[in-house]
C-alpha atoms as a PDB file:
ATOM      1  CA  UNK A   1     -44.003-156.094 187.697  1.00  0.00           C
ATOM      2  CA  UNK A   2     -46.949-155.237 189.863  1.00  0.00           C
ATOM      3  CA  UNK A   3     -47.775-152.168 191.885  1.00  0.00           C
ATOM      4  CA  UNK A   4     -50.634-150.532 193.721  1.00  0.00           C
ATOM      5  CA  UNK A   5     -51.332-146.875 194.074  1.00  0.00           C
ATOM      6  CA  UNK A   6     -53.709-145.147 196.426  1.00  0.00           C
ATOM      7  CA  UNK A   7     -54.706-141.552 195.685  1.00  0.00           C
ATOM      8  CA  UNK A   8     -56.501-139.471 198.231  1.00  0.00           C
ATOM      9  CA  UNK A   9     -59.045-137.232 196.545  1.00  0.00           C
ATOM     10  CA  UNK A  10     -59.915-134.286 198.730  1.00  0.00           C
ATOM     11  CA  UNK A  11     -63.316-132.855 199.256  1.00  0.00           C
ATOM     12  CA  UNK A  12     -64.305-129.329 200.033  1.00  0.00           C
ATOM     13  CA  UNK A  13     -67.432-128.233 201.832  1.00  0.00           C
ATOM     14  CA  UNK A  14     -68.689-124.814 200.831  1.00  0.00           C
ATOM     15  CA  UNK A  15     -72.031-123.085 201.146  1.00  0.00           C
ATOM     16  CA  UNK A  16     -74.346-123.278 198.148  1.00  0.00           C
ATOM     17  CA  UNK A  17     -77.215-120.830 197.605  1.00  0.00           C
ATOM     18  CA  UNK A  18     -80.111-120.910 195.191  1.00  0.00           C
ATOM     19  CA  UNK A  19     -79.933-118.543 192.239  1.00  0.00           C
ATOM     20  CA  UNK A  20     -83.269-117.039 193.370  1.00  0.00           C
ATOM     21  CA  UNK A  21     -81.572-115.769 196.535  1.00  0.00           C
ATOM     22  CA  UNK A  22     -78.864-113.866 194.622  1.00  0.00           C
ATOM     23  CA  UNK A  23     -79.138-110.113 194.229  1.00  0.00           C
ATOM     24  CA  UNK A  24     -77.022-108.355 191.601  1.00  0.00           C
ATOM     25  CA  UNK A  25     -75.910-104.798 192.388  1.00  0.00           C
ATOM     26  CA  UNK A  26     -73.384-102.990 190.265  1.00  0.00           C
ATOM     27  CA  UNK A  27     -72.479-106.218 188.495  1.00  0.00           C
ATOM     28  CA  UNK A  28     -71.605-107.951 191.781  1.00  0.00           C
ATOM     29  CA  UNK A  29     -73.575-110.696 193.489  1.00  0.00           C
ATOM     30  CA  UNK A  30     -74.767-110.837 197.065  1.00  0.00           C
ATOM     31  CA  UNK A  31     -77.498-112.118 199.370  1.00  0.00           C
ATOM     32  CA  UNK A  32     -79.527-110.808 202.277  1.00  0.00           C
ATOM     33  CA  UNK A  33     -78.428-112.499 205.500  1.00  0.00           C
ATOM     34  CA  UNK A  34     -80.921-112.569 208.382  1.00  0.00           C
ATOM     35  CA  UNK A  35     -79.318-111.548 211.699  1.00  0.00           C
ATOM     36  CA  UNK A  36     -80.299-112.801 215.160  1.00  0.00           C
ATOM     37  CA  UNK A  37     -82.636-109.824 215.571  1.00  0.00           C
ATOM     38  CA  UNK A  38     -84.437-110.837 212.304  1.00  0.00           C
ATOM     39  CA  UNK A  39     -83.083-107.924 210.258  1.00  0.00           C
ATOM     40  CA  UNK A  40     -81.907-108.349 206.672  1.00  0.00           C
ATOM     41  CA  UNK A  41     -78.336-107.264 205.942  1.00  0.00           C
ATOM     42  CA  UNK A  42     -76.915-107.268 202.438  1.00  0.00           C
ATOM     43  CA  UNK A  43     -73.665-109.187 202.014  1.00  0.00           C
ATOM     44  CA  UNK A  44     -71.418-109.310 198.931  1.00  0.00           C
ATOM     45  CA  UNK A  45     -70.369-112.780 197.794  1.00  0.00           C
ATOM     46  CA  UNK A  46     -67.559-114.218 195.757  1.00  0.00           C
ATOM     47  CA  UNK A  47     -69.095-117.081 193.813  1.00  0.00           C
ATOM     48  CA  UNK A  48     -67.611-120.141 192.171  1.00  0.00           C
ATOM     49  CA  UNK A  49     -69.115-123.072 190.312  1.00  0.00           C
ATOM     50  CA  UNK A  50     -72.658-122.810 189.031  1.00  0.00           C
ATOM     51  CA  UNK A  51     -75.357-125.407 188.521  1.00  0.00           C
ATOM     52  CA  UNK A  52     -78.773-124.871 186.921  1.00  0.00           C
ATOM     53  CA  UNK A  53     -80.418-123.764 190.193  1.00  0.00           C
ATOM     54  CA  UNK A  54     -77.550-123.161 192.633  1.00  0.00           C
ATOM     55  CA  UNK A  55     -74.261-121.288 192.991  1.00  0.00           C
ATOM     56  CA  UNK A  56     -71.230-122.182 195.112  1.00  0.00           C
ATOM     57  CA  UNK A  57     -70.096-119.467 197.550  1.00  0.00           C
ATOM     58  CA  UNK A  58     -66.320-119.050 197.855  1.00  0.00           C
ATOM     59  CA  UNK A  59     -66.323-116.099 200.257  1.00  0.00           C
ATOM     60  CA  UNK A  60     -68.790-113.922 202.124  1.00  0.00           C
ATOM     61  CA  UNK A  61     -71.046-116.528 203.693  1.00  0.00           C
ATOM     62  CA  UNK A  62     -70.581-119.134 206.403  1.00  0.00           C
ATOM     63  CA  UNK A  63     -72.430-122.425 206.505  1.00  0.00           C
ATOM     64  CA  UNK A  64     -75.496-122.338 208.725  1.00  0.00           C
ATOM     65  CA  UNK A  65     -76.318-118.664 208.187  1.00  0.00           C
ATOM     66  CA  UNK A  66     -79.914-117.866 207.280  1.00  0.00           C
ATOM     67  CA  UNK A  67     -80.533-116.033 204.017  1.00  0.00           C
ATOM     68  CA  UNK A  68     -83.586-114.567 202.309  1.00  0.00           C
ATOM     69  CA  UNK A  69     -84.362-116.992 199.511  1.00  0.00           C
ATOM     70  CA  UNK A  70     -87.302-115.431 197.676  1.00  0.00           C
ATOM     71  CA  UNK A  71     -88.706-112.028 196.748  1.00  0.00           C
ATOM     72  CA  UNK A  72     -85.282-110.499 197.256  1.00  0.00           C
ATOM     73  CA  UNK A  73     -86.124-107.539 194.983  1.00  0.00           C
ATOM     74  CA  UNK A  74     -88.532-106.268 197.625  1.00  0.00           C
ATOM     75  CA  UNK A  75     -86.058-106.535 200.539  1.00  0.00           C
ATOM     76  CA  UNK A  76     -83.975-103.563 201.677  1.00  0.00           C
ATOM     77  CA  UNK A  77     -81.062-103.507 204.115  1.00  0.00           C
ATOM     78  CA  UNK A  78     -82.404-103.330 207.686  1.00  0.00           C
ATOM     79  CA  UNK A  79     -85.875-104.715 206.900  1.00  0.00           C
ATOM     80  CA  UNK A  80     -87.342-107.018 209.538  1.00  0.00           C
ATOM     81  CA  UNK A  81     -87.844-110.525 208.179  1.00  0.00           C
ATOM     82  CA  UNK A  82     -90.611-112.820 209.404  1.00  0.00           C
ATOM     83  CA  UNK A  83     -89.405-116.409 209.365  1.00  0.00           C
ATOM     84  CA  UNK A  84     -91.466-118.912 207.408  1.00  0.00           C
ATOM     85  CA  UNK A  85     -90.842-122.006 205.297  1.00  0.00           C
ATOM     86  CA  UNK A  86     -91.671-120.053 202.131  1.00  0.00           C
ATOM     87  CA  UNK A  87     -89.844-116.750 202.516  1.00  0.00           C
ATOM     88  CA  UNK A  88     -86.754-117.532 204.529  1.00  0.00           C
ATOM     89  CA  UNK A  89     -84.709-120.690 204.230  1.00  0.00           C
ATOM     90  CA  UNK A  90     -81.483-121.925 205.719  1.00  0.00           C
ATOM     91  CA  UNK A  91     -78.745-122.024 203.161  1.00  0.00           C
ATOM     92  CA  UNK A  92     -77.729-125.502 202.193  1.00  0.00           C
END
């Protein structure tokens, strides 16, 4: 007997953020999202798989949003963020 099988393996596209961008408050993780008026707003995240430098985001962040990726300990909610290649990066 002979047979062929074809299995469709699904893929899922989710935002991934660097571990440097994560802020831990009260045991929960979040990031600072930069709004259209260049203000930082803290957002809680539900995270999933982890790699050495990055974390998958299951909920709390949409693809294409801009996040603060470095020196997050100095940022407070409502701070104005100056965009540069070093300090602010688009999430991947």
